[in-house]
Every structure is written in C-alpha cells, then in structure tokens.
Amino acid sequence: MAEERVVVSEKVCPKCGKTYRGHPAISRVDNVTAICPLCGTREALDSLGISDEEKEKIIATIPQVEDK
C-alpha cells in the first residue's frame, strides 16, 4: 500500500501576525481576507457586542486545533 503524505503549510495571519495551520477564517471586515481561526472567532464575537473579558473566557474554552 502506498504511503500517503499530507503537507501542512503554515500561514501568517495578517491581523495578528501569528502563524497558523489548517483552514483560515474569512474576515468579516472585508469578506475576502483569510485570517487565522482565532481572529475569526474574535471578529464573530465582536459582532455580537460581547465584552473583551467575556470574549477571552469563551476563547479559552475552545480547543486549540493548532496544539494537536
């Protein structure tokens, strides 16, 4: 059986400047720019008017795919 190789590329988020892997989120600001999933989550929570403190609590409960 042939060995399957998966190439995972790292991208740099234009919003926060951090590298990430996997599927990007599309920025709600312009509906075009690819951003990291964490910035995508922040933008989504921003649109709901959630306080910064509550946003951080919510984000802390989301499993970090990048860590796996």
PDB file of N, CA and C in Angstrom:
ATOM      1  N   MET A   1       0.843  -1.178   0.000  1.00  0.00           N
ATOM      2  CA  MET A   1       0.000   0.000   0.000  1.00  0.00           C
ATOM      3  C   MET A   1       0.891   1.246   0.000  1.00  0.00           C
ATOM      4  N   ALA A   2       0.556   2.208  -0.807  1.00  0.00           N
ATOM      5  CA  ALA A   2       1.346   3.437  -0.903  1.00  0.00           C
ATOM      6  C   ALA A   2       1.154   4.296   0.336  1.00  0.00           C
ATOM      7  N   GLU A   3       2.234   4.912   0.741  1.00  0.00           N
ATOM      8  CA  GLU A   3       2.181   5.799   1.910  1.00  0.00           C
ATOM      9  C   GLU A   3       1.634   7.156   1.477  1.00  0.00           C
ATOM     10  N   GLU A   4       0.645   7.635   2.213  1.00  0.00           N
ATOM     11  CA  GLU A   4       0.050   8.930   1.900  1.00  0.00           C
ATOM     12  C   GLU A   4       0.723  10.010   2.740  1.00  0.00           C
ATOM     13  N   ARG A   5       1.117  11.074   2.084  1.00  0.00           N
ATOM     14  CA  ARG A   5       1.764  12.181   2.781  1.00  0.00           C
ATOM     15  C   ARG A   5       0.844  13.392   2.755  1.00  0.00           C
ATOM     16  N   VAL A   6       0.757  14.022   3.882  1.00  0.00           N
ATOM     17  CA  VAL A   6      -0.054  15.221   3.983  1.00  0.00           C
ATOM     18  C   VAL A   6       0.882  16.398   4.229  1.00  0.00           C
ATOM     19  N   VAL A   7       0.785  17.388   3.376  1.00  0.00           N
ATOM     20  CA  VAL A   7       1.608  18.578   3.519  1.00  0.00           C
ATOM     21  C   VAL A   7       0.770  19.642   4.223  1.00  0.00           C
ATOM     22  N   VAL A   8       1.267  20.076   5.348  1.00  0.00           N
ATOM     23  CA  VAL A   8       0.570  21.107   6.109  1.00  0.00           C
ATOM     24  C   VAL A   8       1.404  22.374   6.026  1.00  0.00           C
ATOM     25  N   SER A   9       0.819  23.387   5.414  1.00  0.00           N
ATOM     26  CA  SER A   9       1.565  24.636   5.281  1.00  0.00           C
ATOM     27  C   SER A   9       1.188  25.592   6.402  1.00  0.00           C
ATOM     28  N   GLU A  10       2.157  26.372   6.794  1.00  0.00           N
ATOM     29  CA  GLU A  10       1.899  27.398   7.799  1.00  0.00           C
ATOM     30  C   GLU A  10       1.627  28.706   7.089  1.00  0.00           C
ATOM     31  N   LYS A  11       0.653  29.426   7.596  1.00  0.00           N
ATOM     32  CA  LYS A  11       0.298  30.726   7.042  1.00  0.00           C
ATOM     33  C   LYS A  11       0.469  31.770   8.140  1.00  0.00           C
ATOM     34  N   VAL A  12       0.618  33.013   7.753  1.00  0.00           N
ATOM     35  CA  VAL A  12       0.724  34.103   8.723  1.00  0.00           C
ATOM     36  C   VAL A  12      -0.560  34.912   8.657  1.00  0.00           C
ATOM     37  N   CYS A  13      -1.181  35.092   9.791  1.00  0.00           N
ATOM     38  CA  CYS A  13      -2.417  35.874   9.865  1.00  0.00           C
ATOM     39  C   CYS A  13      -2.087  37.354   9.701  1.00  0.00           C
ATOM     40  N   PRO A  14      -2.725  38.027   8.741  1.00  0.00           N
ATOM     41  CA  PRO A  14      -2.450  39.446   8.548  1.00  0.00           C
ATOM     42  C   PRO A  14      -3.006  40.330   9.671  1.00  0.00           C
ATOM     43  N   LYS A  15      -3.882  39.770  10.473  1.00  0.00           N
ATOM     44  CA  LYS A  15      -4.499  40.555  11.546  1.00  0.00           C
ATOM     45  C   LYS A  15      -3.651  40.543  12.819  1.00  0.00           C
ATOM     46  N   CYS A  16      -3.210  39.343  13.238  1.00  0.00           N
ATOM     47  CA  CYS A  16      -2.458  39.245  14.496  1.00  0.00           C
ATOM     48  C   CYS A  16      -0.969  38.984  14.288  1.00  0.00           C
ATOM     49  N   GLY A  17      -0.584  38.554  13.077  1.00  0.00           N
ATOM     50  CA  GLY A  17       0.816  38.308  12.771  1.00  0.00           C
ATOM     51  C   GLY A  17       1.335  36.946  13.202  1.00  0.00           C
ATOM     52  N   LYS A  18       0.480  36.115  13.785  1.00  0.00           N
ATOM     53  CA  LYS A  18       0.915  34.788  14.228  1.00  0.00           C
ATOM     54  C   LYS A  18       0.756  33.775  13.106  1.00  0.00           C
ATOM     55  N   THR A  19       1.559  32.709  13.172  1.00  0.00           N
ATOM     56  CA  THR A  19       1.431  31.643  12.191  1.00  0.00           C
ATOM     57  C   THR A  19       0.343  30.684  12.636  1.00  0.00           C
ATOM     58  N   TYR A  20      -0.296  30.052  11.648  1.00  0.00           N
ATOM     59  CA  TYR A  20      -1.316  29.059  11.934  1.00  0.00           C
ATOM     60  C   TYR A  20      -1.326  28.026  10.825  1.00  0.00           C
ATOM     61  N   ARG A  21      -1.917  26.883  11.115  1.00  0.00           N
ATOM     62  CA  ARG A  21      -2.078  25.813  10.139  1.00  0.00           C
ATOM     63  C   ARG A  21      -3.563  25.532  10.000  1.00  0.00           C
ATOM     64  N   GLY A  22      -3.917  24.851   8.964  1.00  0.00           N
ATOM     65  CA  GLY A  22      -5.316  24.479   8.794  1.00  0.00           C
ATOM     66  C   GLY A  22      -6.091  25.496   7.979  1.00  0.00           C
ATOM     67  N   HIS A  23      -7.399  25.371   8.052  1.00  0.00           N
ATOM     68  CA  HIS A  23      -8.279  26.230   7.262  1.00  0.00           C
ATOM     69  C   HIS A  23      -8.394  27.616   7.882  1.00  0.00           C
ATOM     70  N   PRO A  24      -8.288  28.646   7.061  1.00  0.00           N
ATOM     71  CA  PRO A  24      -8.440  30.001   7.583  1.00  0.00           C
ATOM     72  C   PRO A  24      -9.911  30.375   7.741  1.00  0.00           C
ATOM     73  N   ALA A  25     -10.129  31.444   8.468  1.00  0.00           N
ATOM     74  CA  ALA A  25     -11.447  32.077   8.528  1.00  0.00           C
ATOM     75  C   ALA A  25     -11.407  33.236   7.539  1.00  0.00           C
ATOM     76  N   ILE A  26     -12.558  33.668   7.089  1.00  0.00           N
ATOM     77  CA  ILE A  26     -12.632  34.834   6.217  1.00  0.00           C
ATOM     78  C   ILE A  26     -13.044  36.020   7.077  1.00  0.00           C
ATOM     79  N   SER A  27     -12.283  37.088   7.000  1.00  0.00           N
ATOM     80  CA  SER A  27     -12.535  38.262   7.819  1.00  0.00           C
ATOM     81  C   SER A  27     -13.911  38.846   7.542  1.00  0.00           C
ATOM     82  N   ARG A  28     -14.606  39.205   8.593  1.00  0.00           N
ATOM     83  CA  ARG A  28     -15.908  39.858   8.467  1.00  0.00           C
ATOM     84  C   ARG A  28     -15.745  41.324   8.057  1.00  0.00           C
ATOM     85  N   VAL A  29     -14.544  41.847   8.157  1.00  0.00           N
ATOM     86  CA  VAL A  29     -14.296  43.246   7.814  1.00  0.00           C
ATOM     87  C   VAL A  29     -14.476  43.481   6.312  1.00  0.00           C
ATOM     88  N   ASP A  30     -13.874  42.574   5.482  1.00  0.00           N
ATOM     89  CA  ASP A  30     -13.964  42.766   4.037  1.00  0.00           C
ATOM     90  C   ASP A  30     -14.517  41.558   3.287  1.00  0.00           C
ATOM     91  N   ASN A  31     -14.813  40.481   4.008  1.00  0.00           N
ATOM     92  CA  ASN A  31     -15.332  39.243   3.412  1.00  0.00           C
ATOM     93  C   ASN A  31     -14.415  38.659   2.339  1.00  0.00           C
ATOM     94  N   VAL A  32     -13.117  38.964   2.429  1.00  0.00           N
ATOM     95  CA  VAL A  32     -12.156  38.460   1.448  1.00  0.00           C
ATOM     96  C   VAL A  32     -10.898  37.915   2.127  1.00  0.00           C
ATOM     97  N   THR A  33     -10.362  38.655   3.073  1.00  0.00           N
ATOM     98  CA  THR A  33      -9.072  38.349   3.670  1.00  0.00           C
ATOM     99  C   THR A  33      -9.126  37.082   4.524  1.00  0.00           C
ATOM    100  N   ALA A  34      -8.182  36.175   4.264  1.00  0.00           N
ATOM    101  CA  ALA A  34      -8.052  34.957   5.068  1.00  0.00           C
ATOM    102  C   ALA A  34      -7.292  35.303   6.350  1.00  0.00           C
ATOM    103  N   ILE A  35      -7.886  34.977   7.491  1.00  0.00           N
ATOM    104  CA  ILE A  35      -7.270  35.220   8.797  1.00  0.00           C
ATOM    105  C   ILE A  35      -7.262  33.926   9.592  1.00  0.00           C
ATOM    106  N   CYS A  36      -6.506  33.903  10.671  1.00  0.00           N
ATOM    107  CA  CYS A  36      -6.430  32.684  11.477  1.00  0.00           C
ATOM    108  C   CYS A  36      -7.775  32.413  12.158  1.00  0.00           C
ATOM    109  N   PRO A  37      -8.038  31.168  12.493  1.00  0.00           N
ATOM    110  CA  PRO A  37      -9.305  30.829  13.128  1.00  0.00           C
ATOM    111  C   PRO A  37      -9.570  31.609  14.425  1.00  0.00           C
ATOM    112  N   LEU A  38      -8.530  31.885  15.183  1.00  0.00           N
ATOM    113  CA  LEU A  38      -8.723  32.617  16.431  1.00  0.00           C
ATOM    114  C   LEU A  38      -9.182  34.051  16.171  1.00  0.00           C
ATOM    115  N   CYS A  39      -8.587  34.715  15.194  1.00  0.00           N
ATOM    116  CA  CYS A  39      -9.030  36.071  14.839  1.00  0.00           C
ATOM    117  C   CYS A  39     -10.442  36.028  14.269  1.00  0.00           C
ATOM    118  N   GLY A  40     -10.763  34.974  13.531  1.00  0.00           N
ATOM    119  CA  GLY A  40     -12.119  34.814  13.011  1.00  0.00           C
ATOM    120  C   GLY A  40     -13.128  34.702  14.137  1.00  0.00           C
ATOM    121  N   THR A  41     -12.765  33.960  15.178  1.00  0.00           N
ATOM    122  CA  THR A  41     -13.644  33.830  16.338  1.00  0.00           C
ATOM    123  C   THR A  41     -13.800  35.168  17.041  1.00  0.00           C
ATOM    124  N   ARG A  42     -12.698  35.883  17.180  1.00  0.00           N
ATOM    125  CA  ARG A  42     -12.768  37.208  17.824  1.00  0.00           C
ATOM    126  C   ARG A  42     -13.680  38.162  17.042  1.00  0.00           C
ATOM    127  N   GLU A  43     -13.552  38.156  15.721  1.00  0.00           N
ATOM    128  CA  GLU A  43     -14.403  39.026  14.910  1.00  0.00           C
ATOM    129  C   GLU A  43     -15.870  38.649  15.057  1.00  0.00           C
ATOM    130  N   ALA A  44     -16.153  37.355  15.107  1.00  0.00           N
ATOM    131  CA  ALA A  44     -17.536  36.906  15.277  1.00  0.00           C
ATOM    132  C   ALA A  44     -18.088  37.371  16.622  1.00  0.00           C
ATOM    133  N   LEU A  45     -17.291  37.233  17.670  1.00  0.00           N
ATOM    134  CA  LEU A  45     -17.737  37.656  18.999  1.00  0.00           C
ATOM    135  C   LEU A  45     -17.869  39.178  19.067  1.00  0.00           C
ATOM    136  N   ASP A  46     -16.979  39.895  18.388  1.00  0.00           N
ATOM    137  CA  ASP A  46     -17.074  41.359  18.328  1.00  0.00           C
ATOM    138  C   ASP A  46     -18.416  41.780  17.742  1.00  0.00           C
ATOM    139  N   SER A  47     -18.847  41.068  16.705  1.00  0.00           N
ATOM    140  CA  SER A  47     -20.093  41.438  16.030  1.00  0.00           C
ATOM    141  C   SER A  47     -21.309  41.234  16.924  1.00  0.00           C
ATOM    142  N   LEU A  48     -21.133  40.453  17.985  1.00  0.00           N
ATOM    143  CA  LEU A  48     -22.232  40.215  18.921  1.00  0.00           C
ATOM    144  C   LEU A  48     -22.235  41.207  20.077  1.00  0.00           C
ATOM    145  N   GLY A  49     -21.205  42.049  20.134  1.00  0.00           N
ATOM    146  CA  GLY A  49     -21.144  43.052  21.192  1.00  0.00           C
ATOM    147  C   GLY A  49     -20.750  42.488  22.555  1.00  0.00           C
ATOM    148  N   ILE A  50     -20.024  41.388  22.550  1.00  0.00           N
ATOM    149  CA  ILE A  50     -19.606  40.751  23.804  1.00  0.00           C
ATOM    150  C   ILE A  50     -18.388  41.496  24.357  1.00  0.00           C
ATOM    151  N   SER A  51     -18.338  41.651  25.677  1.00  0.00           N
ATOM    152  CA  SER A  51     -17.224  42.364  26.310  1.00  0.00           C
ATOM    153  C   SER A  51     -15.910  41.606  26.092  1.00  0.00           C
ATOM    154  N   ASP A  52     -14.799  42.338  26.156  1.00  0.00           N
ATOM    155  CA  ASP A  52     -13.480  41.720  25.972  1.00  0.00           C
ATOM    156  C   ASP A  52     -13.239  40.626  26.999  1.00  0.00           C
ATOM    157  N   GLU A  53     -13.643  40.857  28.230  1.00  0.00           N
ATOM    158  CA  GLU A  53     -13.449  39.860  29.286  1.00  0.00           C
ATOM    159  C   GLU A  53     -14.220  38.579  28.975  1.00  0.00           C
ATOM    160  N   GLU A  54     -15.457  38.720  28.549  1.00  0.00           N
ATOM    161  CA  GLU A  54     -16.277  37.547  28.215  1.00  0.00           C
ATOM    162  C   GLU A  54     -15.732  36.841  26.977  1.00  0.00           C
ATOM    163  N   LYS A  55     -15.237  37.609  25.993  1.00  0.00           N
ATOM    164  CA  LYS A  55     -14.644  37.001  24.799  1.00  0.00           C
ATOM    165  C   LYS A  55     -13.476  36.109  25.169  1.00  0.00           C
ATOM    166  N   GLU A  56     -12.617  36.597  26.055  1.00  0.00           N
ATOM    167  CA  GLU A  56     -11.450  35.811  26.465  1.00  0.00           C
ATOM    168  C   GLU A  56     -11.875  34.524  27.168  1.00  0.00           C
ATOM    169  N   LYS A  57     -12.927  34.587  27.964  1.00  0.00           N
ATOM    170  CA  LYS A  57     -13.427  33.378  28.628  1.00  0.00           C
ATOM    171  C   LYS A  57     -13.934  32.373  27.600  1.00  0.00           C
ATOM    172  N   ILE A  58     -14.661  32.859  26.618  1.00  0.00           N
ATOM    173  CA  ILE A  58     -15.200  31.973  25.577  1.00  0.00           C
ATOM    174  C   ILE A  58     -14.062  31.354  24.772  1.00  0.00           C
ATOM    175  N   ILE A  59     -13.118  32.170  24.358  1.00  0.00           N
ATOM    176  CA  ILE A  59     -11.998  31.683  23.546  1.00  0.00           C
ATOM    177  C   ILE A  59     -11.170  30.658  24.321  1.00  0.00           C
ATOM    178  N   ALA A  60     -11.031  30.848  25.616  1.00  0.00           N
ATOM    179  CA  ALA A  60     -10.257  29.907  26.443  1.00  0.00           C
ATOM    180  C   ALA A  60     -10.905  28.523  26.493  1.00  0.00           C
ATOM    181  N   THR A  61     -12.202  28.443  26.224  1.00  0.00           N
ATOM    182  CA  THR A  61     -12.887  27.133  26.271  1.00  0.00           C
ATOM    183  C   THR A  61     -12.841  26.390  24.937  1.00  0.00           C
ATOM    184  N   ILE A  62     -12.384  27.066  23.879  1.00  0.00           N
ATOM    185  CA  ILE A  62     -12.332  26.446  22.556  1.00  0.00           C
ATOM    186  C   ILE A  62     -11.039  25.638  22.440  1.00  0.00           C
ATOM    187  N   PRO A  63     -11.164  24.347  22.083  1.00  0.00           N
ATOM    188  CA  PRO A  63      -9.952  23.547  21.916  1.00  0.00           C
ATOM    189  C   PRO A  63      -9.090  24.133  20.814  1.00  0.00           C
ATOM    190  N   GLN A  64      -7.806  24.173  21.051  1.00  0.00           N
ATOM    191  CA  GLN A  64      -6.877  24.737  20.081  1.00  0.00           C
ATOM    192  C   GLN A  64      -6.412  23.656  19.130  1.00  0.00           C
ATOM    193  N   VAL A  65      -6.913  23.681  17.917  1.00  0.00           N
ATOM    194  CA  VAL A  65      -6.571  22.682  16.903  1.00  0.00           C
ATOM    195  C   VAL A  65      -5.082  22.731  16.606  1.00  0.00           C
ATOM    196  N   GLU A  66      -4.499  23.908  16.653  1.00  0.00           N
ATOM    197  CA  GLU A  66      -3.086  24.070  16.348  1.00  0.00           C
ATOM    198  C   GLU A  66      -2.199  23.282  17.302  1.00  0.00           C
ATOM    199  N   ASP A  67      -2.662  23.027  18.505  1.00  0.00           N
ATOM    200  CA  ASP A  67      -1.855  22.346  19.511  1.00  0.00           C
ATOM    201  C   ASP A  67      -1.800  20.843  19.278  1.00  0.00           C
ATOM    202  N   LYS A  68      -2.600  20.325  18.357  1.00  0.00           N
ATOM    203  CA  LYS A  68      -2.663  18.881  18.152  1.00  0.00           C
ATOM    204  C   LYS A  68      -1.823  18.437  16.987  1.00  0.00           C
TER     205      LYS A  68
END
